[in-house]
Amino acid sequence: MPSPHPVPAGAPCWIELFTDDRERSVRFYEELFGWHATDPVEEYGGYWNFEHAGQPIAGGMVNDGSTGADDAWSVYLRSDDAVKTAAAAEANGGMVIVPPYPVMDLGSMAVVADAGGAAVGIWQVGTFAGFATTGEVGTPVWFELYTRDFDAVVDFYRDVFGWDPQRLVSDAMPDLRYATDSAYETARAGIMDATEGLPEGAGAHWQVYIGVTDTDATVARAQELGGTLRFGPSDSPHGRMAELADPTGVLFKVITA
């Protein structure tokens, strides 16, 4: 087992693709980011990993329609005790979707809905700690939650996952409501008040940013591979970014790293 990049409790430690078309999705992400998809493992329900530079960077699972969940990228936050974290989620306005259970010796997982209804995974480390690295080209570099229940959700992640939320203040965008999981220098994830930005009928959800060397070139390549440009490319204080949908409609973002 490779030595994973350590992350503190409460921080993102893994991302997972839920897709109804494994072959199409694997081809897209392998071609776009240079990832390699491992073969599905029957003992883990057909689960597979995406690898970057030979190290695990993300997981994947076929959506057979039995759960009623949409295809999506999901985010897992590290926990020292999945059972206690799931109980805390329920006690703080959330709901347990998948109760905690062990995944052989790899660790224990659960899935909960936060106080705004967004699903988020919980991962208690066993022999597997999550993605090998972040913050580099071809890896996850940021994790962002879009919600209509900003205040309640900020409190939820503070009380359930131990975040130290830092609310951003911007003179250029006085209406912006945004909080990071910790101080700017150590922040790994953010929460955005998307009350005005979420389309009607769209639920609260997490999104993943993947680092790239050239956002415009990545967008062009994604479109060649059957993806769709949803927003951008546009410049931000943190790099040039764009929102894309893969060929099955799953949303993700890219940003220069």
Protein backbone atom coordinates (compact mmCIF):
# COMPACT_ATOMS: atom_id res chain seq x y z
CA MET A 1 0.00 0.00 0.00
CA PRO A 2 1.50 3.40 -0.97
CA SER A 3 2.23 5.98 1.70
CA PRO A 4 -0.68 8.42 1.48
CA HIS A 5 -0.40 12.14 1.97
CA PRO A 6 -1.59 12.78 5.54
CA VAL A 7 -4.50 15.13 6.12
CA PRO A 8 -5.96 16.29 9.43
CA ALA A 9 -9.28 15.09 10.78
CA GLY A 10 -12.16 16.88 9.06
CA ALA A 11 -10.22 17.56 5.86
CA PRO A 12 -11.00 16.05 2.44
CA CYS A 13 -9.13 12.78 2.01
CA TRP A 14 -10.80 11.10 -0.99
CA ILE A 15 -13.03 11.74 -3.99
CA GLU A 16 -15.28 9.22 -5.66
CA LEU A 17 -17.04 9.07 -9.01
CA PHE A 18 -20.54 7.57 -9.17
CA THR A 19 -21.35 6.85 -12.83
CA ASP A 20 -23.81 4.80 -14.84
CA ASP A 21 -21.28 4.37 -17.66
CA ARG A 22 -17.93 3.17 -16.36
CA GLU A 23 -16.32 2.65 -19.76
CA ARG A 24 -17.19 6.11 -21.03
CA SER A 25 -16.21 7.85 -17.79
CA VAL A 26 -12.91 5.99 -17.45
CA ARG A 27 -11.92 6.81 -21.01
CA PHE A 28 -12.72 10.49 -20.47
CA TYR A 29 -10.73 10.98 -17.27
CA GLU A 30 -7.80 8.87 -18.43
CA GLU A 31 -7.52 10.94 -21.61
CA LEU A 32 -8.14 14.30 -19.93
CA PHE A 33 -5.92 14.02 -16.84
CA GLY A 34 -3.60 11.15 -17.70
CA TRP A 35 -5.09 9.01 -14.94
CA HIS A 36 -5.09 5.21 -15.01
CA ALA A 37 -8.16 3.26 -13.90
CA THR A 38 -7.53 -0.03 -12.12
CA ASP A 39 -9.70 -3.05 -12.80
CA PRO A 40 -12.93 -3.27 -10.78
CA VAL A 41 -12.53 -5.36 -7.62
CA GLU A 42 -15.37 -7.81 -7.12
CA GLU A 43 -14.82 -8.05 -3.34
CA TYR A 44 -15.50 -4.31 -3.11
CA GLY A 45 -18.65 -4.38 -5.22
CA GLY A 46 -16.85 -3.59 -8.47
CA TYR A 47 -15.03 -0.58 -7.01
CA TRP A 48 -12.02 0.74 -8.88
CA ASN A 49 -9.38 3.40 -8.32
CA PHE A 50 -8.03 6.12 -10.55
CA GLU A 51 -4.27 6.46 -10.22
CA HIS A 52 -2.07 9.47 -10.91
CA ALA A 53 1.65 8.83 -11.33
CA GLY A 54 1.05 5.33 -10.00
CA GLN A 55 -0.66 6.51 -6.81
CA PRO A 56 -4.38 6.41 -5.87
CA ILE A 57 -6.09 9.73 -6.54
CA ALA A 58 -9.82 8.89 -6.70
CA GLY A 59 -12.30 6.04 -6.62
CA GLY A 60 -15.14 4.94 -8.83
CA MET A 61 -18.37 2.97 -8.51
CA VAL A 62 -21.03 2.01 -11.04
CA ASN A 63 -24.43 3.60 -10.47
CA ASP A 64 -26.90 0.81 -11.15
CA GLY A 65 -29.89 3.00 -10.26
CA SER A 66 -30.77 1.07 -7.11
CA THR A 67 -29.95 3.92 -4.72
CA GLY A 68 -31.82 6.64 -6.58
CA ALA A 69 -28.72 8.84 -6.41
CA ASP A 70 -27.52 10.85 -9.40
CA ASP A 71 -24.15 10.41 -11.06
CA ALA A 72 -21.71 12.75 -9.32
CA TRP A 73 -18.30 13.28 -7.81
CA SER A 74 -18.44 13.01 -4.03
CA VAL A 75 -16.04 14.13 -1.31
CA TYR A 76 -14.98 12.20 1.78
CA LEU A 77 -13.76 13.93 4.94
CA ARG A 78 -11.40 12.16 7.31
CA SER A 79 -12.72 11.12 10.70
CA ASP A 80 -11.05 9.60 13.76
CA ASP A 81 -14.28 7.72 14.53
CA ALA A 82 -16.88 7.23 11.79
CA VAL A 83 -19.55 6.08 14.23
CA LYS A 84 -19.20 9.18 16.42
CA THR A 85 -19.03 11.50 13.40
CA ALA A 86 -22.19 10.04 11.89
CA ALA A 87 -23.97 10.38 15.24
CA ALA A 88 -22.79 13.99 15.49
CA ALA A 89 -24.10 14.67 11.98
CA GLU A 90 -27.54 13.42 12.98
CA ALA A 91 -27.46 15.44 16.20
CA ASN A 92 -26.59 18.65 14.33
CA GLY A 93 -29.34 18.78 11.73
CA GLY A 94 -27.98 16.21 9.29
CA MET A 95 -29.10 12.74 8.33
CA VAL A 96 -27.32 9.41 8.00
CA ILE A 97 -27.61 8.09 4.42
CA VAL A 98 -25.22 5.13 4.70
CA PRO A 99 -24.53 4.01 8.30
CA PRO A 100 -20.89 3.45 9.27
CA TYR A 101 -19.45 0.10 8.26
CA PRO A 102 -15.96 -1.39 7.89
CA VAL A 103 -14.41 -1.84 4.44
CA MET A 104 -12.30 -4.86 5.30
CA ASP A 105 -9.04 -3.57 6.78
CA LEU A 106 -8.96 -0.43 4.61
CA GLY A 107 -11.02 1.67 7.03
CA SER A 108 -14.61 2.51 7.87
CA MET A 109 -16.97 4.66 5.84
CA ALA A 110 -20.32 6.37 6.10
CA VAL A 111 -22.30 8.89 4.09
CA VAL A 112 -24.38 11.64 5.68
CA ALA A 113 -26.42 14.59 4.50
CA ASP A 114 -25.35 17.88 6.06
CA ALA A 115 -27.73 20.48 7.51
CA GLY A 116 -28.37 21.83 4.00
CA GLY A 117 -29.00 18.44 2.41
CA ALA A 118 -25.66 17.94 0.63
CA ALA A 119 -24.23 14.43 0.81
CA VAL A 120 -20.71 14.07 2.19
CA GLY A 121 -18.67 10.98 2.90
CA ILE A 122 -16.89 10.05 6.12
CA TRP A 123 -13.68 8.01 6.05
CA GLN A 124 -12.01 6.54 9.13
CA VAL A 125 -8.50 5.49 8.15
CA GLY A 126 -7.39 1.87 8.38
CA THR A 127 -4.66 0.65 6.05
CA PHE A 128 -5.83 3.14 3.40
CA ALA A 129 -5.72 6.86 4.11
CA GLY A 130 -7.04 8.26 0.85
CA PHE A 131 -5.51 10.09 -2.07
CA ALA A 132 -1.75 10.09 -2.26
CA THR A 133 -1.30 13.79 -2.93
CA THR A 134 -3.18 17.03 -3.60
CA GLY A 135 -2.41 20.50 -4.84
CA GLU A 136 -0.59 19.36 -7.99
CA VAL A 137 -1.42 19.10 -11.67
CA GLY A 138 -3.63 16.06 -12.19
CA THR A 139 -4.79 15.91 -8.58
CA PRO A 140 -7.61 17.44 -6.53
CA VAL A 141 -6.61 20.95 -5.44
CA TRP A 142 -9.79 22.33 -3.84
CA PHE A 143 -13.16 21.15 -2.59
CA GLU A 144 -16.23 23.40 -2.51
CA LEU A 145 -19.74 23.07 -1.13
CA TYR A 146 -22.66 24.98 -2.67
CA THR A 147 -25.58 25.46 -0.30
CA ARG A 148 -28.70 27.53 0.30
CA ASP A 149 -28.35 27.15 4.09
CA PHE A 150 -25.04 28.88 4.61
CA ASP A 151 -25.13 29.72 8.32
CA ALA A 152 -26.51 26.35 9.41
CA VAL A 153 -24.08 24.47 7.18
CA VAL A 154 -21.04 26.41 8.40
CA ASP A 155 -22.05 25.54 11.96
CA PHE A 156 -22.60 21.90 10.93
CA TYR A 157 -19.07 21.41 9.64
CA ARG A 158 -17.66 23.18 12.68
CA ASP A 159 -19.57 21.00 15.15
CA VAL A 160 -19.42 17.68 13.28
CA PHE A 161 -16.02 17.71 11.57
CA GLY A 162 -14.12 20.11 13.83
CA TRP A 163 -13.64 22.85 11.26
CA ASP A 164 -12.46 26.30 12.32
CA PRO A 165 -14.54 28.27 9.79
CA GLN A 166 -13.08 31.52 8.51
CA ARG A 167 -15.60 33.77 6.76
CA LEU A 168 -14.15 35.73 3.89
CA VAL A 169 -14.73 39.46 3.52
CA SER A 170 -14.32 41.00 0.07
CA ASP A 171 -14.58 44.71 -0.65
CA ALA A 172 -14.88 43.87 -4.34
CA MET A 173 -17.77 41.46 -3.71
CA PRO A 174 -19.60 42.70 -0.59
CA ASP A 175 -22.46 40.22 -1.10
CA LEU A 176 -20.15 37.21 -1.17
CA ARG A 177 -20.77 34.74 1.66
CA TYR A 178 -17.95 32.23 1.76
CA ALA A 179 -16.18 30.33 4.51
CA THR A 180 -13.07 28.15 4.47
CA ASP A 181 -12.48 25.20 6.75
CA SER A 182 -9.52 26.90 8.44
CA ALA A 183 -7.22 29.89 8.13
CA TYR A 184 -6.25 30.88 4.59
CA GLU A 185 -2.74 29.39 4.81
CA THR A 186 -4.02 25.93 5.72
CA ALA A 187 -7.48 25.92 4.08
CA ARG A 188 -8.40 22.84 2.06
CA ALA A 189 -12.13 23.36 1.43
CA GLY A 190 -14.78 26.05 1.27
CA ILE A 191 -18.51 26.65 1.64
CA MET A 192 -20.32 29.08 -0.66
CA ASP A 193 -23.73 30.61 -0.14
CA ALA A 194 -25.22 29.65 -3.50
CA THR A 195 -28.79 30.71 -2.76
CA GLU A 196 -28.84 32.90 -5.86
CA GLY A 197 -26.55 30.71 -7.95
CA LEU A 198 -28.05 27.25 -7.74
CA PRO A 199 -30.54 26.55 -10.53
CA GLU A 200 -34.13 25.91 -9.51
CA GLY A 201 -34.48 22.30 -8.45
CA ALA A 202 -30.73 21.79 -8.00
CA GLY A 203 -29.75 20.47 -4.61
CA ALA A 204 -26.84 21.47 -2.42
CA HIS A 205 -23.70 19.61 -3.45
CA TRP A 206 -19.94 19.38 -3.28
CA GLN A 207 -17.67 20.01 -6.27
CA VAL A 208 -14.07 19.02 -6.87
CA TYR A 209 -11.38 21.15 -8.54
CA ILE A 210 -8.64 19.30 -10.45
CA GLY A 211 -5.34 21.07 -11.08
CA VAL A 212 -4.23 21.56 -14.68
CA THR A 213 -1.36 23.33 -16.42
CA ASP A 214 -3.54 25.10 -19.00
CA THR A 215 -7.24 25.61 -18.32
CA ASP A 216 -8.14 26.64 -21.86
CA ALA A 217 -6.37 23.68 -23.39
CA THR A 218 -8.03 21.35 -20.88
CA VAL A 219 -11.46 22.74 -21.73
CA ALA A 220 -10.82 22.24 -25.44
CA ARG A 221 -9.65 18.67 -24.85
CA ALA A 222 -12.62 17.89 -22.60
CA GLN A 223 -14.98 19.02 -25.36
CA GLU A 224 -13.16 16.84 -27.89
CA LEU A 225 -13.71 13.89 -25.52
CA GLY A 226 -17.45 14.51 -25.23
CA GLY A 227 -17.51 16.82 -22.22
CA THR A 228 -19.42 20.10 -21.99
CA LEU A 229 -18.28 23.54 -20.88
CA ARG A 230 -20.65 24.88 -18.22
CA PHE A 231 -18.84 28.05 -17.15
CA GLY A 232 -15.64 29.92 -18.02
CA PRO A 233 -12.81 29.79 -18.54
CA SER A 234 -12.36 32.80 -16.30
CA ASP A 235 -9.59 34.28 -14.19
CA SER A 236 -9.75 34.24 -10.40
CA PRO A 237 -7.32 35.29 -7.67
CA HIS A 238 -6.35 31.62 -7.37
CA GLY A 239 -5.93 30.76 -11.04
CA ARG A 240 -7.79 30.43 -14.32
CA MET A 241 -10.74 28.10 -13.87
CA ALA A 242 -13.69 26.51 -15.65
CA GLU A 243 -16.64 24.28 -14.83
CA LEU A 244 -17.13 21.22 -17.00
CA ALA A 245 -19.50 18.29 -17.27
CA ASP A 246 -18.12 14.92 -18.30
CA PRO A 247 -19.87 12.88 -21.04
CA THR A 248 -22.38 11.48 -18.52
CA GLY A 249 -23.20 14.94 -17.13
CA VAL A 250 -21.12 14.82 -13.94
CA LEU A 251 -19.88 18.28 -12.92
CA PHE A 252 -16.32 19.14 -11.90
CA LYS A 253 -14.00 22.11 -12.11
CA VAL A 254 -10.47 22.64 -13.34
CA ILE A 255 -8.04 25.33 -12.28
CA THR A 256 -4.41 26.13 -13.04
CA ALA A 257 -2.22 24.62 -10.34
